[in-house]
Amino acid sequence: MEFVAALADLRAEASCPICLDYLKDPVTISCGHNFCLSCIIMSWKDLDDSFPCPFCHFCCPERKFVSNPQLGSLTEIAKQLQIRSKRKRQEEKHVCKKHNQLLTFFCQKDLELLCPRCSFSTDHQHHCVWPIKKAASYHRKQLEEYNALWKERVELIEKSQLYKPENHWN
C-alpha cells in the first residue's frame, strides 16, 4: 500500500493545479509553484499589473516564468509508473476474502464489491446489487452528466457581467 500512496503523491506533484492533468511544458513562477505553460498563460491572459499565483495567490511582480525541463522529465517518469501500476492492478484477481470467489457484483447501498455468494447474503438482501460492468457504466454516465452541468455553470459565470478575474484574486 505504501507504493500506491507514494505513486499517488508523485502523480499529485507532477500535476498542474489548474488543469489537474500531468504537467505539459512545465514552468515555475516566482512563488515556486509549477504549471503547464499554456495553463499559466491562459490564467494571466487578461492581467496587466499583478499576476497572482493560481495556487497560493501570491502576487508575482511580473509576468515571468521559467521553463522546468527536469520537472518535465520527472512527469514523464510518473506517467510511465502510473501506466505500469494500472496494468498490474488490472492483472490482479479481485477475490472475496470470505468465499475466495471473484468479485463480480456491486452493492449500490454499501458501495462495495461482492462475490456471487455475498450478493445473495442477508447483508445485501434488500439492496440494489448489480454486475460491476453495468454499475461502472451507470456511474460513469452520471459523472459525465454532473461534469457537463458544472462546465455549463462555470461558463455562465465567466460570461456574466459580474465575473471579473481581477476581483476574484483579491
Protein backbone atom coordinates (compact mmCIF):
# COMPACT_ATOMS: atom_id res chain seq x y z
CA MET A 1 0.00 0.00 0.00
CA GLU A 2 2.95 2.33 0.59
CA PHE A 3 3.86 2.12 -3.10
CA VAL A 4 0.32 3.10 -4.11
CA ALA A 5 0.37 6.08 -1.72
CA ALA A 6 3.81 7.16 -2.96
CA LEU A 7 2.60 6.84 -6.55
CA ALA A 8 -0.46 8.99 -5.75
CA ASP A 9 1.81 11.64 -4.15
CA LEU A 10 4.08 11.59 -7.21
CA ARG A 11 1.09 12.00 -9.52
CA ALA A 12 -0.15 14.95 -7.46
CA GLU A 13 3.25 16.65 -7.62
CA ALA A 14 3.50 16.01 -11.38
CA SER A 15 0.06 17.52 -12.00
CA CYS A 16 -0.87 21.07 -12.87
CA PRO A 17 -3.04 22.76 -10.21
CA ILE A 18 -5.05 24.45 -12.98
CA CYS A 19 -5.96 21.65 -15.41
CA LEU A 20 -5.29 18.83 -12.89
CA ASP A 21 -3.62 16.78 -15.62
CA TYR A 22 0.06 15.83 -15.90
CA LEU A 23 2.23 18.92 -16.44
CA LYS A 24 2.86 19.79 -20.10
CA ASP A 25 5.86 22.05 -20.75
CA PRO A 26 6.15 22.79 -17.00
CA VAL A 27 7.14 26.27 -15.88
CA THR A 28 7.86 27.65 -12.43
CA ILE A 29 6.63 31.10 -11.34
CA SER A 30 8.25 33.36 -8.74
CA CYS A 31 6.44 31.83 -5.73
CA GLY A 32 7.86 28.42 -6.69
CA HIS A 33 4.67 26.74 -7.93
CA ASN A 34 4.62 24.87 -11.23
CA PHE A 35 2.05 24.94 -14.03
CA CYS A 36 1.65 23.87 -17.64
CA LEU A 37 2.96 26.69 -19.82
CA SER A 38 -0.39 27.01 -21.62
CA CYS A 39 -2.36 26.98 -18.33
CA ILE A 40 -0.43 29.85 -16.73
CA ILE A 41 -0.55 31.87 -19.96
CA MET A 42 -4.34 31.47 -20.05
CA SER A 43 -4.64 32.23 -16.34
CA TRP A 44 -2.74 35.50 -16.72
CA LYS A 45 -4.11 36.34 -20.20
CA ASP A 46 -6.12 39.47 -19.33
CA LEU A 47 -3.94 40.73 -16.47
CA ASP A 48 -1.68 43.78 -16.76
CA ASP A 49 -0.16 44.83 -13.45
CA SER A 50 -0.34 41.97 -10.93
CA PHE A 51 -0.06 38.28 -11.60
CA PRO A 52 -1.48 36.14 -8.78
CA CYS A 53 -0.41 32.53 -8.42
CA PRO A 54 -3.50 30.41 -9.17
CA PHE A 55 -2.46 28.07 -6.35
CA CYS A 56 -1.32 30.23 -3.40
CA HIS A 57 -2.50 33.68 -4.64
CA PHE A 58 0.97 35.21 -4.12
CA CYS A 59 1.15 38.30 -6.33
CA CYS A 60 4.04 37.84 -8.71
CA PRO A 61 5.54 41.24 -9.57
CA GLU A 62 5.79 40.47 -13.27
CA ARG A 63 4.51 38.03 -15.90
CA LYS A 64 7.56 35.82 -15.62
CA PHE A 65 8.01 32.07 -15.56
CA VAL A 66 10.97 29.78 -16.04
CA SER A 67 10.94 26.54 -18.01
CA ASN A 68 11.44 23.49 -15.79
CA PRO A 69 12.74 20.63 -18.01
CA GLN A 70 13.79 18.50 -15.02
CA LEU A 71 10.20 18.52 -13.73
CA GLY A 72 9.09 17.65 -17.26
CA SER A 73 11.32 14.56 -17.17
CA LEU A 74 10.02 13.55 -13.74
CA THR A 75 6.46 13.98 -15.02
CA GLU A 76 7.18 11.56 -17.87
CA ILE A 77 8.52 9.03 -15.37
CA ALA A 78 5.39 9.50 -13.21
CA LYS A 79 3.21 8.83 -16.28
CA GLN A 80 5.08 5.60 -17.03
CA LEU A 81 4.82 4.41 -13.42
CA GLN A 82 1.09 5.17 -13.43
CA ILE A 83 0.60 3.11 -16.61
CA ARG A 84 2.56 0.15 -15.20
CA SER A 85 0.67 0.35 -11.89
CA LYS A 86 -2.70 0.35 -13.70
CA ARG A 87 -1.71 -2.71 -15.74
CA LYS A 88 -0.58 -4.52 -12.61
CA ARG A 89 -3.85 -3.73 -10.80
CA GLN A 90 -5.86 -4.90 -13.79
CA GLU A 91 -3.95 -8.17 -13.84
CA GLU A 92 -4.57 -8.80 -10.13
CA LYS A 93 -7.55 -11.01 -9.34
CA HIS A 94 -10.14 -9.34 -7.15
CA VAL A 95 -11.28 -12.15 -4.86
CA CYS A 96 -13.71 -12.28 -1.95
CA LYS A 97 -11.82 -12.86 1.30
CA LYS A 98 -14.70 -14.92 2.75
CA HIS A 99 -15.52 -17.17 -0.20
CA ASN A 100 -12.42 -16.97 -2.42
CA GLN A 101 -14.63 -16.15 -5.44
CA LEU A 102 -14.17 -13.35 -7.97
CA LEU A 103 -15.83 -10.04 -7.08
CA THR A 104 -18.32 -9.57 -9.91
CA PHE A 105 -21.15 -7.59 -8.31
CA PHE A 106 -21.55 -4.11 -6.82
CA CYS A 107 -23.83 -3.17 -3.90
CA GLN A 108 -25.15 0.32 -4.54
CA LYS A 109 -26.14 0.96 -0.91
CA ASP A 110 -22.86 -0.13 0.69
CA LEU A 111 -20.66 0.89 -2.28
CA GLU A 112 -18.99 -2.50 -2.02
CA LEU A 113 -17.76 -5.15 -4.46
CA LEU A 114 -19.27 -8.59 -3.87
CA CYS A 115 -18.81 -12.18 -4.99
CA PRO A 116 -21.91 -14.11 -6.16
CA ARG A 117 -22.37 -15.75 -2.73
CA CYS A 118 -22.12 -12.42 -0.87
CA SER A 119 -24.57 -10.83 -3.30
CA PHE A 120 -27.27 -13.28 -2.13
CA SER A 121 -26.49 -12.94 1.57
CA THR A 122 -28.92 -11.40 4.04
CA ASP A 123 -26.50 -8.46 4.44
CA HIS A 124 -27.44 -7.28 0.93
CA GLN A 125 -30.94 -8.79 0.65
CA HIS A 126 -32.85 -5.53 0.13
CA HIS A 127 -30.02 -3.62 -1.57
CA CYS A 128 -29.59 -2.79 -5.22
CA VAL A 129 -26.92 -5.28 -6.35
CA TRP A 130 -25.84 -5.38 -9.99
CA PRO A 131 -22.95 -6.56 -12.16
CA ILE A 132 -19.82 -4.44 -11.83
CA LYS A 133 -19.69 -3.51 -15.53
CA LYS A 134 -23.27 -2.19 -15.52
CA ALA A 135 -22.69 -0.28 -12.28
CA ALA A 136 -19.47 1.23 -13.64
CA SER A 137 -21.17 2.25 -16.88
CA TYR A 138 -24.08 3.84 -14.99
CA HIS A 139 -21.81 5.77 -12.60
CA ARG A 140 -19.53 6.86 -15.45
CA LYS A 141 -22.55 8.37 -17.24
CA GLN A 142 -23.66 10.06 -14.01
CA LEU A 143 -20.22 11.63 -13.59
CA GLU A 144 -20.22 12.83 -17.20
CA GLU A 145 -23.62 14.47 -16.68
CA TYR A 146 -22.50 16.16 -13.45
CA ASN A 147 -19.29 17.31 -15.13
CA ALA A 148 -21.25 18.77 -18.06
CA LEU A 149 -23.55 20.67 -15.67
CA TRP A 150 -20.57 22.12 -13.78
CA LYS A 151 -18.88 23.15 -17.02
CA GLU A 152 -22.06 24.94 -18.10
CA ARG A 153 -22.27 26.75 -14.75
CA VAL A 154 -18.63 27.82 -14.93
CA GLU A 155 -19.13 29.12 -18.47
CA LEU A 156 -22.22 31.09 -17.41
CA ILE A 157 -20.33 32.67 -14.51
CA GLU A 158 -17.36 33.53 -16.70
CA LYS A 159 -19.63 35.12 -19.32
CA SER A 160 -21.68 37.10 -16.81
CA GLN A 161 -21.03 40.78 -16.23
CA LEU A 162 -20.42 40.10 -12.54
CA TYR A 163 -17.33 37.96 -13.04
CA LYS A 164 -14.12 39.96 -13.12
CA PRO A 165 -10.88 37.99 -12.75
CA GLU A 166 -9.10 40.88 -11.04
CA ASN A 167 -11.76 40.93 -8.28
CA HIS A 168 -11.59 37.16 -7.97
CA TRP A 169 -7.97 37.23 -6.79
CA ASN A 170 -8.32 39.98 -4.19
